[in-house]
Amino acid sequence: MIRILSLLTALLMMAACAPTATPSDPLSDLGAFRLGYNVVVADKMRKGPVSRDATKEEWEAALKKAVAQRFERYQGDQLYHLAISVEGYMLAPPGLPLVYKPKSALIINVTVWDDAANAKLNPKVEQMTIFESTTAGTFIVGSGNERTREEQMQGLAANAVREVEAWMVKQRKEQGWFQPRDGAATTVRIPSALAPPANG
């Protein structure tokens, strides 16, 4: 917890200059990948020291939607499950233009499961730090003055999905993830570690 809060504090004044990703951007090469389960949890997330409020339900909904919009476009014949945990966030509040312009950021942990093998592809979770994209307006007056809380969350969720995708592409190239193999396509089943509680 202390590590996450310290990281959020350090990120307070940082920003990314790339435009916000969109679901319609061209797809990458993910081999035989097809999305199975889309699991997002935010039970243990921490809010940064200077941030608007957001509930775990709002973060889970925003990220699940972004994952679905992007990864459901892949039509490989092997199923893989994505599990994302929201660890921390900062949603920039209104600041003083040209003087104090806090930036928004998101910290997530990511795990990819191979459905056929019923096992993780990355035994150690991949932690990612996601930054809010900037525009001329947000650079001058700050994100909190230029964007609503919902717009900040949507932008961070979209950027998070593209970071996850870029990491998966790298793992495909370096570790051979998502290679076609005989008999790997299965009926979707959720790994026991990702299964929801019996009471719903």
C-alpha atoms as a PDB file:
ATOM      1  CA  MET A   1       0.000   0.000   0.000  1.00  0.00           C
ATOM      2  CA  ILE A   2       2.758   2.465   0.951  1.00  0.00           C
ATOM      3  CA  ARG A   3       4.592   1.662  -2.292  1.00  0.00           C
ATOM      4  CA  ILE A   4       1.498   2.400  -4.388  1.00  0.00           C
ATOM      5  CA  LEU A   5       0.795   5.689  -2.600  1.00  0.00           C
ATOM      6  CA  SER A   6       4.433   6.748  -2.957  1.00  0.00           C
ATOM      7  CA  LEU A   7       4.356   5.971  -6.661  1.00  0.00           C
ATOM      8  CA  LEU A   8       1.141   7.933  -7.132  1.00  0.00           C
ATOM      9  CA  THR A   9       2.698  10.912  -5.373  1.00  0.00           C
ATOM     10  CA  ALA A  10       5.758  10.753  -7.617  1.00  0.00           C
ATOM     11  CA  LEU A  11       3.538  10.625 -10.696  1.00  0.00           C
ATOM     12  CA  LEU A  12       1.521  13.654  -9.693  1.00  0.00           C
ATOM     13  CA  MET A  13       3.122  16.100 -12.120  1.00  0.00           C
ATOM     14  CA  MET A  14       3.994  13.688 -14.944  1.00  0.00           C
ATOM     15  CA  ALA A  15       2.104  13.349 -18.206  1.00  0.00           C
ATOM     16  CA  ALA A  16       2.101  11.498 -21.489  1.00  0.00           C
ATOM     17  CA  CYS A  17       1.995  13.391 -24.762  1.00  0.00           C
ATOM     18  CA  ALA A  18       0.552  10.698 -27.024  1.00  0.00           C
ATOM     19  CA  PRO A  19      -3.102  10.974 -28.100  1.00  0.00           C
ATOM     20  CA  THR A  20      -5.652   8.844 -26.295  1.00  0.00           C
ATOM     21  CA  ALA A  21      -5.979   5.371 -27.812  1.00  0.00           C
ATOM     22  CA  THR A  22      -9.266   4.350 -29.433  1.00  0.00           C
ATOM     23  CA  PRO A  23     -10.815   0.870 -29.933  1.00  0.00           C
ATOM     24  CA  SER A  24     -10.830   1.376 -33.714  1.00  0.00           C
ATOM     25  CA  ASP A  25      -7.037   1.771 -33.987  1.00  0.00           C
ATOM     26  CA  PRO A  26      -5.479  -0.947 -36.198  1.00  0.00           C
ATOM     27  CA  LEU A  27      -5.023  -4.292 -34.474  1.00  0.00           C
ATOM     28  CA  SER A  28      -1.606  -5.711 -33.632  1.00  0.00           C
ATOM     29  CA  ASP A  29      -0.377  -9.229 -34.364  1.00  0.00           C
ATOM     30  CA  LEU A  30      -1.509 -11.423 -31.471  1.00  0.00           C
ATOM     31  CA  GLY A  31      -1.381 -14.740 -33.286  1.00  0.00           C
ATOM     32  CA  ALA A  32      -4.139 -17.142 -32.233  1.00  0.00           C
ATOM     33  CA  PHE A  33      -5.464 -14.881 -29.447  1.00  0.00           C
ATOM     34  CA  ARG A  34      -9.177 -14.663 -28.777  1.00  0.00           C
ATOM     35  CA  LEU A  35     -10.572 -13.116 -25.605  1.00  0.00           C
ATOM     36  CA  GLY A  36     -12.215 -15.490 -23.159  1.00  0.00           C
ATOM     37  CA  TYR A  37     -12.994 -13.982 -19.762  1.00  0.00           C
ATOM     38  CA  ASN A  38     -12.605 -10.276 -19.090  1.00  0.00           C
ATOM     39  CA  VAL A  39     -11.967  -9.972 -15.335  1.00  0.00           C
ATOM     40  CA  VAL A  40     -11.363  -6.636 -13.599  1.00  0.00           C
ATOM     41  CA  VAL A  41     -11.213  -6.121  -9.829  1.00  0.00           C
ATOM     42  CA  ALA A  42     -10.545  -2.979  -7.828  1.00  0.00           C
ATOM     43  CA  ASP A  43     -11.147  -4.091  -4.250  1.00  0.00           C
ATOM     44  CA  LYS A  44      -7.691  -3.061  -3.015  1.00  0.00           C
ATOM     45  CA  MET A  45      -7.122   0.112  -5.030  1.00  0.00           C
ATOM     46  CA  ARG A  46      -5.709   3.234  -3.411  1.00  0.00           C
ATOM     47  CA  LYS A  47      -6.516   6.827  -4.277  1.00  0.00           C
ATOM     48  CA  GLY A  48      -3.627   9.228  -4.806  1.00  0.00           C
ATOM     49  CA  PRO A  49      -2.968  12.192  -2.498  1.00  0.00           C
ATOM     50  CA  VAL A  50      -4.548  14.728  -4.867  1.00  0.00           C
ATOM     51  CA  SER A  51      -7.453  13.152  -6.705  1.00  0.00           C
ATOM     52  CA  ARG A  52     -11.116  13.206  -7.483  1.00  0.00           C
ATOM     53  CA  ASP A  53     -13.077  10.271  -6.087  1.00  0.00           C
ATOM     54  CA  ALA A  54     -14.010   7.146  -8.045  1.00  0.00           C
ATOM     55  CA  THR A  55     -15.569   3.921  -6.818  1.00  0.00           C
ATOM     56  CA  LYS A  56     -14.283   0.426  -7.459  1.00  0.00           C
ATOM     57  CA  GLU A  57     -17.455  -0.285  -9.428  1.00  0.00           C
ATOM     58  CA  GLU A  58     -16.753   2.671 -11.724  1.00  0.00           C
ATOM     59  CA  TRP A  59     -13.176   1.571 -12.380  1.00  0.00           C
ATOM     60  CA  GLU A  60     -14.201  -2.028 -12.974  1.00  0.00           C
ATOM     61  CA  ALA A  61     -16.898  -0.957 -15.417  1.00  0.00           C
ATOM     62  CA  ALA A  62     -14.607   1.463 -17.288  1.00  0.00           C
ATOM     63  CA  LEU A  63     -11.809  -1.064 -17.727  1.00  0.00           C
ATOM     64  CA  LYS A  64     -14.077  -3.994 -18.602  1.00  0.00           C
ATOM     65  CA  LYS A  65     -15.703  -1.883 -21.303  1.00  0.00           C
ATOM     66  CA  ALA A  66     -12.332  -0.791 -22.710  1.00  0.00           C
ATOM     67  CA  VAL A  67     -11.001  -4.375 -22.706  1.00  0.00           C
ATOM     68  CA  ALA A  68     -14.117  -5.656 -24.468  1.00  0.00           C
ATOM     69  CA  GLN A  69     -14.090  -2.912 -27.097  1.00  0.00           C
ATOM     70  CA  ARG A  70     -10.475  -3.590 -28.006  1.00  0.00           C
ATOM     71  CA  PHE A  71      -9.796  -7.274 -27.446  1.00  0.00           C
ATOM     72  CA  GLU A  72     -13.094  -8.688 -28.678  1.00  0.00           C
ATOM     73  CA  ARG A  73     -11.994  -7.586 -32.149  1.00  0.00           C
ATOM     74  CA  TYR A  74      -9.328 -10.322 -32.168  1.00  0.00           C
ATOM     75  CA  GLN A  75     -10.684 -13.479 -33.784  1.00  0.00           C
ATOM     76  CA  GLY A  76      -8.025 -16.140 -33.170  1.00  0.00           C
ATOM     77  CA  ASP A  77      -9.100 -19.709 -32.383  1.00  0.00           C
ATOM     78  CA  GLN A  78      -7.412 -20.063 -28.980  1.00  0.00           C
ATOM     79  CA  LEU A  79      -8.919 -18.635 -25.823  1.00  0.00           C
ATOM     80  CA  TYR A  80      -7.060 -16.488 -23.316  1.00  0.00           C
ATOM     81  CA  HIS A  81      -8.435 -14.757 -20.231  1.00  0.00           C
ATOM     82  CA  LEU A  82      -7.354 -11.286 -19.076  1.00  0.00           C
ATOM     83  CA  ALA A  83      -7.314 -10.467 -15.365  1.00  0.00           C
ATOM     84  CA  ILE A  84      -6.699  -6.852 -14.355  1.00  0.00           C
ATOM     85  CA  SER A  85      -6.412  -5.512 -10.821  1.00  0.00           C
ATOM     86  CA  VAL A  86      -6.625  -1.766 -10.179  1.00  0.00           C
ATOM     87  CA  GLU A  87      -3.939  -0.936  -7.628  1.00  0.00           C
ATOM     88  CA  GLY A  88      -4.104   2.848  -7.499  1.00  0.00           C
ATOM     89  CA  TYR A  89      -5.312   5.937  -9.318  1.00  0.00           C
ATOM     90  CA  MET A  90      -5.246   9.714  -9.455  1.00  0.00           C
ATOM     91  CA  LEU A  91      -7.926  11.743 -11.216  1.00  0.00           C
ATOM     92  CA  ALA A  92      -6.664  15.281 -11.462  1.00  0.00           C
ATOM     93  CA  PRO A  93      -8.895  17.878  -9.770  1.00  0.00           C
ATOM     94  CA  PRO A  94      -9.211  21.439 -11.086  1.00  0.00           C
ATOM     95  CA  GLY A  95      -5.962  23.344 -10.624  1.00  0.00           C
ATOM     96  CA  LEU A  96      -4.521  26.767 -11.300  1.00  0.00           C
ATOM     97  CA  PRO A  97      -3.759  27.154 -15.036  1.00  0.00           C
ATOM     98  CA  LEU A  98      -0.063  27.705 -15.809  1.00  0.00           C
ATOM     99  CA  VAL A  99       0.804  27.208 -12.123  1.00  0.00           C
ATOM    100  CA  TYR A 100      -0.612  23.968 -10.718  1.00  0.00           C
ATOM    101  CA  LYS A 101      -1.773  21.397 -13.230  1.00  0.00           C
ATOM    102  CA  PRO A 102      -2.038  17.920 -11.630  1.00  0.00           C
ATOM    103  CA  LYS A 103      -2.150  14.961 -14.027  1.00  0.00           C
ATOM    104  CA  SER A 104      -4.202  11.758 -13.944  1.00  0.00           C
ATOM    105  CA  ALA A 105      -2.631   8.309 -13.668  1.00  0.00           C
ATOM    106  CA  LEU A 106      -3.605   4.684 -13.123  1.00  0.00           C
ATOM    107  CA  ILE A 107      -1.668   1.687 -11.765  1.00  0.00           C
ATOM    108  CA  ILE A 108      -2.802  -1.826 -12.706  1.00  0.00           C
ATOM    109  CA  ASN A 109      -1.612  -5.418 -12.370  1.00  0.00           C
ATOM    110  CA  VAL A 110      -2.201  -7.729 -15.337  1.00  0.00           C
ATOM    111  CA  THR A 111      -2.274 -11.516 -15.729  1.00  0.00           C
ATOM    112  CA  VAL A 112      -2.983 -13.510 -18.902  1.00  0.00           C
ATOM    113  CA  TRP A 113      -4.400 -17.048 -18.624  1.00  0.00           C
ATOM    114  CA  ASP A 114      -4.154 -19.778 -21.253  1.00  0.00           C
ATOM    115  CA  ASP A 115      -7.598 -21.429 -21.331  1.00  0.00           C
ATOM    116  CA  ALA A 116      -6.486 -24.756 -22.812  1.00  0.00           C
ATOM    117  CA  ALA A 117      -3.585 -25.124 -20.362  1.00  0.00           C
ATOM    118  CA  ASN A 118      -5.625 -23.659 -17.466  1.00  0.00           C
ATOM    119  CA  ALA A 119      -2.477 -21.797 -16.423  1.00  0.00           C
ATOM    120  CA  LYS A 120      -0.999 -18.311 -16.300  1.00  0.00           C
ATOM    121  CA  LEU A 121       1.222 -17.202 -19.131  1.00  0.00           C
ATOM    122  CA  ASN A 122       2.967 -14.768 -16.773  1.00  0.00           C
ATOM    123  CA  PRO A 123       3.465 -16.386 -13.343  1.00  0.00           C
ATOM    124  CA  LYS A 124       4.442 -12.973 -11.940  1.00  0.00           C
ATOM    125  CA  VAL A 125       1.896 -10.197 -12.414  1.00  0.00           C
ATOM    126  CA  GLU A 126       2.852  -7.387 -14.766  1.00  0.00           C
ATOM    127  CA  GLN A 127       2.434  -3.988 -13.119  1.00  0.00           C
ATOM    128  CA  MET A 128       1.801  -1.035 -15.396  1.00  0.00           C
ATOM    129  CA  THR A 129       1.626   2.685 -14.792  1.00  0.00           C
ATOM    130  CA  ILE A 130      -0.766   4.433 -17.166  1.00  0.00           C
ATOM    131  CA  PHE A 131      -0.741   8.149 -17.874  1.00  0.00           C
ATOM    132  CA  GLU A 132      -3.465  10.406 -19.118  1.00  0.00           C
ATOM    133  CA  SER A 133      -2.925  11.711 -22.635  1.00  0.00           C
ATOM    134  CA  THR A 134      -2.534  15.448 -23.024  1.00  0.00           C
ATOM    135  CA  THR A 135      -3.998  17.960 -25.427  1.00  0.00           C
ATOM    136  CA  ALA A 136      -3.156  21.606 -25.966  1.00  0.00           C
ATOM    137  CA  GLY A 137      -5.966  22.461 -23.565  1.00  0.00           C
ATOM    138  CA  THR A 138      -4.944  20.097 -20.777  1.00  0.00           C
ATOM    139  CA  PHE A 139      -1.297  21.143 -21.134  1.00  0.00           C
ATOM    140  CA  ILE A 140      -2.199  24.781 -20.556  1.00  0.00           C
ATOM    141  CA  VAL A 141      -5.066  24.676 -18.070  1.00  0.00           C
ATOM    142  CA  GLY A 142      -4.745  21.181 -16.616  1.00  0.00           C
ATOM    143  CA  SER A 143      -6.799  18.029 -16.995  1.00  0.00           C
ATOM    144  CA  GLY A 144      -9.054  18.817 -14.047  1.00  0.00           C
ATOM    145  CA  ASN A 145     -10.184  22.045 -15.696  1.00  0.00           C
ATOM    146  CA  GLU A 146     -10.500  20.602 -19.183  1.00  0.00           C
ATOM    147  CA  ARG A 147     -12.051  17.148 -18.549  1.00  0.00           C
ATOM    148  CA  THR A 148     -14.776  15.669 -16.395  1.00  0.00           C
ATOM    149  CA  ARG A 149     -14.009  12.850 -13.983  1.00  0.00           C
ATOM    150  CA  GLU A 150     -15.712  10.398 -16.323  1.00  0.00           C
ATOM    151  CA  GLU A 151     -13.667  11.578 -19.305  1.00  0.00           C
ATOM    152  CA  GLN A 152     -10.460  11.135 -17.323  1.00  0.00           C
ATOM    153  CA  MET A 153     -11.423   7.565 -16.384  1.00  0.00           C
ATOM    154  CA  GLN A 154     -12.385   6.671 -19.947  1.00  0.00           C
ATOM    155  CA  GLY A 155      -9.110   8.043 -21.292  1.00  0.00           C
ATOM    156  CA  LEU A 156      -7.027   6.190 -18.737  1.00  0.00           C
ATOM    157  CA  ALA A 157      -8.936   2.946 -19.361  1.00  0.00           C
ATOM    158  CA  ALA A 158      -8.376   3.237 -23.118  1.00  0.00           C
ATOM    159  CA  ASN A 159      -4.676   3.929 -22.643  1.00  0.00           C
ATOM    160  CA  ALA A 160      -4.408   1.042 -20.177  1.00  0.00           C
ATOM    161  CA  VAL A 161      -5.812  -1.397 -22.719  1.00  0.00           C
ATOM    162  CA  ARG A 162      -3.327  -0.274 -25.342  1.00  0.00           C
ATOM    163  CA  GLU A 163      -0.467  -0.662 -22.848  1.00  0.00           C
ATOM    164  CA  VAL A 164      -1.672  -4.191 -22.095  1.00  0.00           C
ATOM    165  CA  GLU A 165      -1.878  -4.933 -25.808  1.00  0.00           C
ATOM    166  CA  ALA A 166       1.639  -3.597 -26.457  1.00  0.00           C
ATOM    167  CA  TRP A 167       2.994  -5.759 -23.623  1.00  0.00           C
ATOM    168  CA  MET A 168       1.221  -8.827 -25.030  1.00  0.00           C
ATOM    169  CA  VAL A 169       2.697  -8.164 -28.475  1.00  0.00           C
ATOM    170  CA  LYS A 170       6.159  -7.946 -26.904  1.00  0.00           C
ATOM    171  CA  GLN A 171       5.623 -11.242 -25.065  1.00  0.00           C
ATOM    172  CA  ARG A 172       4.483 -12.866 -28.304  1.00  0.00           C
ATOM    173  CA  LYS A 173       7.727 -11.824 -29.998  1.00  0.00           C
ATOM    174  CA  GLU A 174      10.040 -12.628 -27.095  1.00  0.00           C
ATOM    175  CA  GLN A 175       8.298 -15.548 -25.352  1.00  0.00           C
ATOM    176  CA  GLY A 176       6.220 -17.084 -28.126  1.00  0.00           C
ATOM    177  CA  TRP A 177       2.817 -16.318 -26.605  1.00  0.00           C
ATOM    178  CA  PHE A 178      -0.349 -17.060 -28.624  1.00  0.00           C
ATOM    179  CA  GLN A 179       1.269 -19.489 -31.055  1.00  0.00           C
ATOM    180  CA  PRO A 180      -1.270 -21.739 -32.841  1.00  0.00           C
ATOM    181  CA  ARG A 181      -1.189 -25.305 -31.569  1.00  0.00           C
ATOM    182  CA  ASP A 182      -3.279 -28.391 -32.252  1.00  0.00           C
ATOM    183  CA  GLY A 183      -6.234 -28.940 -29.954  1.00  0.00           C
ATOM    184  CA  ALA A 184      -5.838 -25.642 -28.087  1.00  0.00           C
ATOM    185  CA  ALA A 185      -9.225 -24.187 -29.006  1.00  0.00           C
ATOM    186  CA  THR A 186     -11.716 -25.029 -26.272  1.00  0.00           C
ATOM    187  CA  THR A 187     -15.107 -24.128 -24.929  1.00  0.00           C
ATOM    188  CA  VAL A 188     -14.651 -21.149 -22.611  1.00  0.00           C
ATOM    189  CA  ARG A 189     -14.180 -22.127 -18.991  1.00  0.00           C
ATOM    190  CA  ILE A 190     -13.046 -19.788 -16.280  1.00  0.00           C
ATOM    191  CA  PRO A 191      -9.890 -20.760 -14.354  1.00  0.00           C
ATOM    192  CA  SER A 192     -10.677 -21.638 -10.731  1.00  0.00           C
ATOM    193  CA  ALA A 193      -8.513 -18.759  -9.485  1.00  0.00           C
ATOM    194  CA  LEU A 194     -10.662 -16.298 -11.455  1.00  0.00           C
ATOM    195  CA  ALA A 195     -14.037 -17.800 -10.602  1.00  0.00           C
ATOM    196  CA  PRO A 196     -16.496 -15.497  -8.771  1.00  0.00           C
ATOM    197  CA  PRO A 197     -17.691 -16.462  -5.272  1.00  0.00           C
ATOM    198  CA  ALA A 198     -20.447 -19.069  -5.141  1.00  0.00           C
ATOM    199  CA  ASN A 199     -22.821 -16.533  -3.613  1.00  0.00           C
ATOM    200  CA  GLY A 200     -22.471 -14.317  -6.682  1.00  0.00           C
END
